[in-house]
Amino acid sequence: MPAFITLVNFTDQGARTIKDSPERFEAYKSLAEGLGITVKSVHWTQGAYDLVLITEGPEDASMTAALKMAQLGNVRTQTMRGYSAGEMRKLVSKLG
């Protein structure tokens, strides 16, 4: 399954209701699992981003989950496709 790394920042709305962040994550996790996405880990962080999510699942389901999360207005996200070492070996073997 493809892996995705999502970098999350709270919006002003999300920061005002930061106490609800763990419950919002649980709601996201339920939504994601319903779409066939596995949440591998979540970390609330200090620095440039407020949360980091690691998920695995189909690309279209991951996009749907990200759009639904953004629609609520509590966070802004950047999602990147992640590649395992095995996937990277396979990709670079085609470079010639």
N, C-alpha and C. Protein backbone atom coordinates (compact mmCIF):
# COMPACT_ATOMS: atom_id res chain seq x y z
N MET A 1 0.84 -1.18 0.00
CA MET A 1 0.00 0.00 0.00
C MET A 1 0.89 1.25 0.00
N PRO A 2 0.52 2.25 -0.75
CA PRO A 2 1.29 3.50 -0.73
C PRO A 2 1.26 4.14 0.67
N ALA A 3 2.39 4.75 1.02
CA ALA A 3 2.51 5.47 2.29
C ALA A 3 2.43 6.97 2.03
N PHE A 4 1.86 7.70 2.98
CA PHE A 4 1.75 9.14 2.88
C PHE A 4 2.17 9.78 4.19
N ILE A 5 2.91 10.88 4.07
CA ILE A 5 3.31 11.69 5.21
C ILE A 5 2.54 12.99 5.10
N THR A 6 1.78 13.32 6.14
CA THR A 6 0.99 14.55 6.12
C THR A 6 1.51 15.48 7.21
N LEU A 7 1.88 16.69 6.79
CA LEU A 7 2.31 17.74 7.71
C LEU A 7 1.12 18.65 7.94
N VAL A 8 0.81 18.90 9.20
CA VAL A 8 -0.42 19.60 9.57
C VAL A 8 -0.10 20.85 10.38
N ASN A 9 -0.79 21.94 10.05
CA ASN A 9 -0.75 23.17 10.85
C ASN A 9 -2.16 23.52 11.25
N PHE A 10 -2.31 23.97 12.51
CA PHE A 10 -3.61 24.45 12.96
C PHE A 10 -3.93 25.78 12.29
N THR A 11 -5.18 25.97 11.93
CA THR A 11 -5.66 27.28 11.51
C THR A 11 -5.95 28.07 12.80
N ASP A 12 -6.34 29.34 12.67
CA ASP A 12 -6.74 30.10 13.86
C ASP A 12 -7.88 29.40 14.58
N GLN A 13 -8.83 28.91 13.81
CA GLN A 13 -9.97 28.17 14.38
C GLN A 13 -9.50 26.94 15.15
N GLY A 14 -8.59 26.18 14.55
CA GLY A 14 -8.08 24.98 15.19
C GLY A 14 -7.27 25.29 16.44
N ALA A 15 -6.54 26.40 16.43
CA ALA A 15 -5.76 26.78 17.60
C ALA A 15 -6.67 27.21 18.75
N ARG A 16 -7.76 27.90 18.43
CA ARG A 16 -8.70 28.33 19.47
C ARG A 16 -9.35 27.14 20.18
N THR A 17 -9.48 26.03 19.47
CA THR A 17 -10.11 24.83 20.04
C THR A 17 -9.10 23.69 20.17
N ILE A 18 -7.87 24.04 20.50
CA ILE A 18 -6.78 23.06 20.54
C ILE A 18 -7.04 21.92 21.53
N LYS A 19 -7.82 22.19 22.57
CA LYS A 19 -8.15 21.14 23.54
C LYS A 19 -8.88 19.97 22.88
N ASP A 20 -9.55 20.25 21.77
CA ASP A 20 -10.30 19.21 21.06
C ASP A 20 -9.44 18.43 20.06
N SER A 21 -8.18 18.79 19.95
CA SER A 21 -7.31 18.16 18.94
C SER A 21 -7.25 16.64 19.04
N PRO A 22 -7.08 16.05 20.23
CA PRO A 22 -7.05 14.58 20.29
C PRO A 22 -8.37 13.94 19.82
N GLU A 23 -9.50 14.55 20.16
CA GLU A 23 -10.78 14.02 19.71
C GLU A 23 -10.96 14.20 18.21
N ARG A 24 -10.48 15.33 17.68
CA ARG A 24 -10.56 15.53 16.22
C ARG A 24 -9.72 14.49 15.50
N PHE A 25 -8.56 14.15 16.07
CA PHE A 25 -7.75 13.10 15.46
C PHE A 25 -8.50 11.78 15.44
N GLU A 26 -9.15 11.43 16.56
CA GLU A 26 -9.90 10.16 16.61
C GLU A 26 -11.00 10.14 15.56
N ALA A 27 -11.66 11.29 15.34
CA ALA A 27 -12.70 11.37 14.30
C ALA A 27 -12.08 11.19 12.93
N TYR A 28 -10.91 11.82 12.70
CA TYR A 28 -10.21 11.64 11.42
C TYR A 28 -9.82 10.18 11.23
N LYS A 29 -9.30 9.55 12.28
CA LYS A 29 -8.86 8.16 12.18
C LYS A 29 -10.04 7.25 11.80
N SER A 30 -11.19 7.47 12.40
CA SER A 30 -12.39 6.68 12.06
C SER A 30 -12.78 6.90 10.60
N LEU A 31 -12.76 8.15 10.17
CA LEU A 31 -13.07 8.47 8.77
C LEU A 31 -12.09 7.78 7.84
N ALA A 32 -10.79 7.90 8.14
CA ALA A 32 -9.75 7.32 7.29
C ALA A 32 -9.90 5.81 7.21
N GLU A 33 -10.11 5.16 8.34
CA GLU A 33 -10.26 3.71 8.34
C GLU A 33 -11.47 3.27 7.53
N GLY A 34 -12.53 4.07 7.58
CA GLY A 34 -13.71 3.77 6.77
C GLY A 34 -13.44 3.86 5.28
N LEU A 35 -12.40 4.62 4.91
CA LEU A 35 -12.02 4.76 3.50
C LEU A 35 -10.92 3.77 3.10
N GLY A 36 -10.51 2.90 4.02
CA GLY A 36 -9.47 1.92 3.72
C GLY A 36 -8.06 2.40 3.98
N ILE A 37 -7.92 3.44 4.79
CA ILE A 37 -6.60 4.00 5.12
C ILE A 37 -6.21 3.51 6.52
N THR A 38 -4.96 3.13 6.66
CA THR A 38 -4.42 2.75 7.96
C THR A 38 -3.59 3.91 8.49
N VAL A 39 -3.92 4.39 9.68
CA VAL A 39 -3.11 5.43 10.32
C VAL A 39 -2.00 4.72 11.07
N LYS A 40 -0.77 4.86 10.58
CA LYS A 40 0.38 4.19 11.18
C LYS A 40 0.86 4.91 12.43
N SER A 41 0.84 6.26 12.39
CA SER A 41 1.23 7.02 13.58
C SER A 41 0.78 8.46 13.45
N VAL A 42 0.64 9.10 14.60
CA VAL A 42 0.36 10.53 14.67
C VAL A 42 1.26 11.10 15.75
N HIS A 43 1.79 12.29 15.49
CA HIS A 43 2.66 12.95 16.46
C HIS A 43 2.32 14.43 16.48
N TRP A 44 1.98 14.94 17.65
CA TRP A 44 1.86 16.38 17.82
C TRP A 44 3.29 16.88 18.00
N THR A 45 3.65 17.93 17.29
CA THR A 45 5.05 18.34 17.22
C THR A 45 5.22 19.81 17.59
N GLN A 46 6.46 20.16 17.87
CA GLN A 46 6.86 21.55 18.07
C GLN A 46 7.71 21.94 16.88
N GLY A 47 7.61 23.18 16.46
CA GLY A 47 8.40 23.62 15.32
C GLY A 47 7.50 24.11 14.21
N ALA A 48 7.90 23.86 12.98
CA ALA A 48 7.19 24.39 11.81
C ALA A 48 5.81 23.78 11.61
N TYR A 49 5.58 22.57 12.11
CA TYR A 49 4.29 21.89 11.94
C TYR A 49 3.75 21.49 13.30
N ASP A 50 2.43 21.41 13.39
CA ASP A 50 1.77 21.08 14.65
C ASP A 50 1.51 19.58 14.82
N LEU A 51 1.34 18.87 13.72
CA LEU A 51 1.15 17.42 13.74
C LEU A 51 1.83 16.81 12.53
N VAL A 52 2.20 15.55 12.67
CA VAL A 52 2.69 14.75 11.54
C VAL A 52 1.92 13.43 11.57
N LEU A 53 1.31 13.09 10.45
CA LEU A 53 0.57 11.83 10.31
C LEU A 53 1.30 10.94 9.31
N ILE A 54 1.37 9.67 9.61
CA ILE A 54 1.87 8.68 8.67
C ILE A 54 0.72 7.72 8.40
N THR A 55 0.34 7.60 7.14
CA THR A 55 -0.79 6.74 6.77
C THR A 55 -0.41 5.85 5.59
N GLU A 56 -1.18 4.81 5.41
CA GLU A 56 -1.04 3.94 4.25
C GLU A 56 -2.43 3.67 3.69
N GLY A 57 -2.53 3.70 2.38
CA GLY A 57 -3.82 3.41 1.76
C GLY A 57 -3.84 3.84 0.32
N PRO A 58 -4.95 3.57 -0.35
CA PRO A 58 -5.08 3.96 -1.76
C PRO A 58 -4.99 5.48 -1.91
N GLU A 59 -4.41 5.92 -3.01
CA GLU A 59 -4.19 7.35 -3.23
C GLU A 59 -5.50 8.14 -3.25
N ASP A 60 -6.53 7.62 -3.92
CA ASP A 60 -7.79 8.36 -3.99
C ASP A 60 -8.45 8.46 -2.61
N ALA A 61 -8.36 7.43 -1.79
CA ALA A 61 -8.92 7.47 -0.44
C ALA A 61 -8.15 8.46 0.42
N SER A 62 -6.83 8.51 0.26
CA SER A 62 -6.02 9.46 1.02
C SER A 62 -6.37 10.89 0.67
N MET A 63 -6.62 11.14 -0.61
CA MET A 63 -7.00 12.48 -1.05
C MET A 63 -8.37 12.84 -0.49
N THR A 64 -9.32 11.91 -0.52
CA THR A 64 -10.65 12.16 0.02
C THR A 64 -10.58 12.50 1.51
N ALA A 65 -9.79 11.75 2.28
CA ALA A 65 -9.65 12.00 3.71
C ALA A 65 -9.03 13.36 3.96
N ALA A 66 -8.01 13.73 3.18
CA ALA A 66 -7.37 15.04 3.34
C ALA A 66 -8.34 16.18 3.03
N LEU A 67 -9.16 16.00 2.00
CA LEU A 67 -10.14 17.04 1.65
C LEU A 67 -11.20 17.19 2.73
N LYS A 68 -11.65 16.06 3.27
CA LYS A 68 -12.65 16.12 4.34
C LYS A 68 -12.07 16.79 5.59
N MET A 69 -10.81 16.51 5.89
CA MET A 69 -10.16 17.12 7.04
C MET A 69 -10.04 18.63 6.83
N ALA A 70 -9.64 19.05 5.64
CA ALA A 70 -9.49 20.48 5.35
C ALA A 70 -10.84 21.19 5.37
N GLN A 71 -11.89 20.50 4.95
CA GLN A 71 -13.22 21.09 4.86
C GLN A 71 -13.73 21.57 6.22
N LEU A 72 -13.27 20.95 7.29
CA LEU A 72 -13.73 21.32 8.63
C LEU A 72 -13.12 22.64 9.11
N GLY A 73 -12.01 23.05 8.51
CA GLY A 73 -11.43 24.36 8.80
C GLY A 73 -10.51 24.46 10.00
N ASN A 74 -10.15 23.33 10.62
CA ASN A 74 -9.27 23.38 11.79
C ASN A 74 -7.79 23.27 11.45
N VAL A 75 -7.49 22.73 10.28
CA VAL A 75 -6.08 22.51 9.90
C VAL A 75 -5.85 22.80 8.42
N ARG A 76 -4.59 23.03 8.10
CA ARG A 76 -4.11 23.07 6.73
C ARG A 76 -3.07 21.95 6.62
N THR A 77 -3.06 21.27 5.48
CA THR A 77 -2.19 20.10 5.36
C THR A 77 -1.32 20.15 4.12
N GLN A 78 -0.22 19.45 4.20
CA GLN A 78 0.63 19.13 3.05
C GLN A 78 0.85 17.63 3.12
N THR A 79 0.47 16.93 2.06
CA THR A 79 0.61 15.48 2.05
C THR A 79 1.58 15.09 0.95
N MET A 80 2.52 14.22 1.33
CA MET A 80 3.55 13.75 0.40
C MET A 80 3.51 12.23 0.33
N ARG A 81 3.74 11.72 -0.84
CA ARG A 81 3.86 10.26 -1.02
C ARG A 81 5.23 9.86 -0.49
N GLY A 82 5.26 8.86 0.36
CA GLY A 82 6.52 8.35 0.89
C GLY A 82 6.86 7.01 0.24
N TYR A 83 8.13 6.75 0.06
CA TYR A 83 8.60 5.51 -0.56
C TYR A 83 9.49 4.75 0.42
N SER A 84 9.26 3.47 0.53
CA SER A 84 10.11 2.63 1.38
C SER A 84 11.45 2.42 0.68
N ALA A 85 12.40 1.85 1.42
CA ALA A 85 13.71 1.56 0.83
C ALA A 85 13.57 0.60 -0.35
N GLY A 86 12.70 -0.40 -0.21
CA GLY A 86 12.48 -1.36 -1.30
C GLY A 86 11.88 -0.69 -2.52
N GLU A 87 10.91 0.19 -2.31
CA GLU A 87 10.31 0.92 -3.43
C GLU A 87 11.33 1.82 -4.11
N MET A 88 12.18 2.45 -3.31
CA MET A 88 13.20 3.34 -3.88
C MET A 88 14.23 2.55 -4.69
N ARG A 89 14.63 1.38 -4.18
CA ARG A 89 15.56 0.53 -4.94
C ARG A 89 14.98 0.19 -6.30
N LYS A 90 13.71 -0.16 -6.31
CA LYS A 90 13.03 -0.51 -7.56
C LYS A 90 13.00 0.68 -8.52
N LEU A 91 12.72 1.86 -7.99
CA LEU A 91 12.68 3.05 -8.83
C LEU A 91 14.05 3.40 -9.41
N VAL A 92 15.08 3.39 -8.56
CA VAL A 92 16.41 3.78 -9.06
C VAL A 92 17.02 2.72 -9.96
N SER A 93 16.56 1.47 -9.85
CA SER A 93 17.10 0.42 -10.73
C SER A 93 16.71 0.69 -12.19
N LYS A 94 15.70 1.49 -12.40
CA LYS A 94 15.25 1.81 -13.76
C LYS A 94 16.00 2.99 -14.37
N LEU A 95 16.91 3.59 -13.61
CA LEU A 95 17.62 4.76 -14.10
C LEU A 95 18.69 4.43 -15.15
N GLY A 96 19.16 3.24 -15.13
CA GLY A 96 20.13 2.82 -16.14
C GLY A 96 21.54 3.20 -15.92
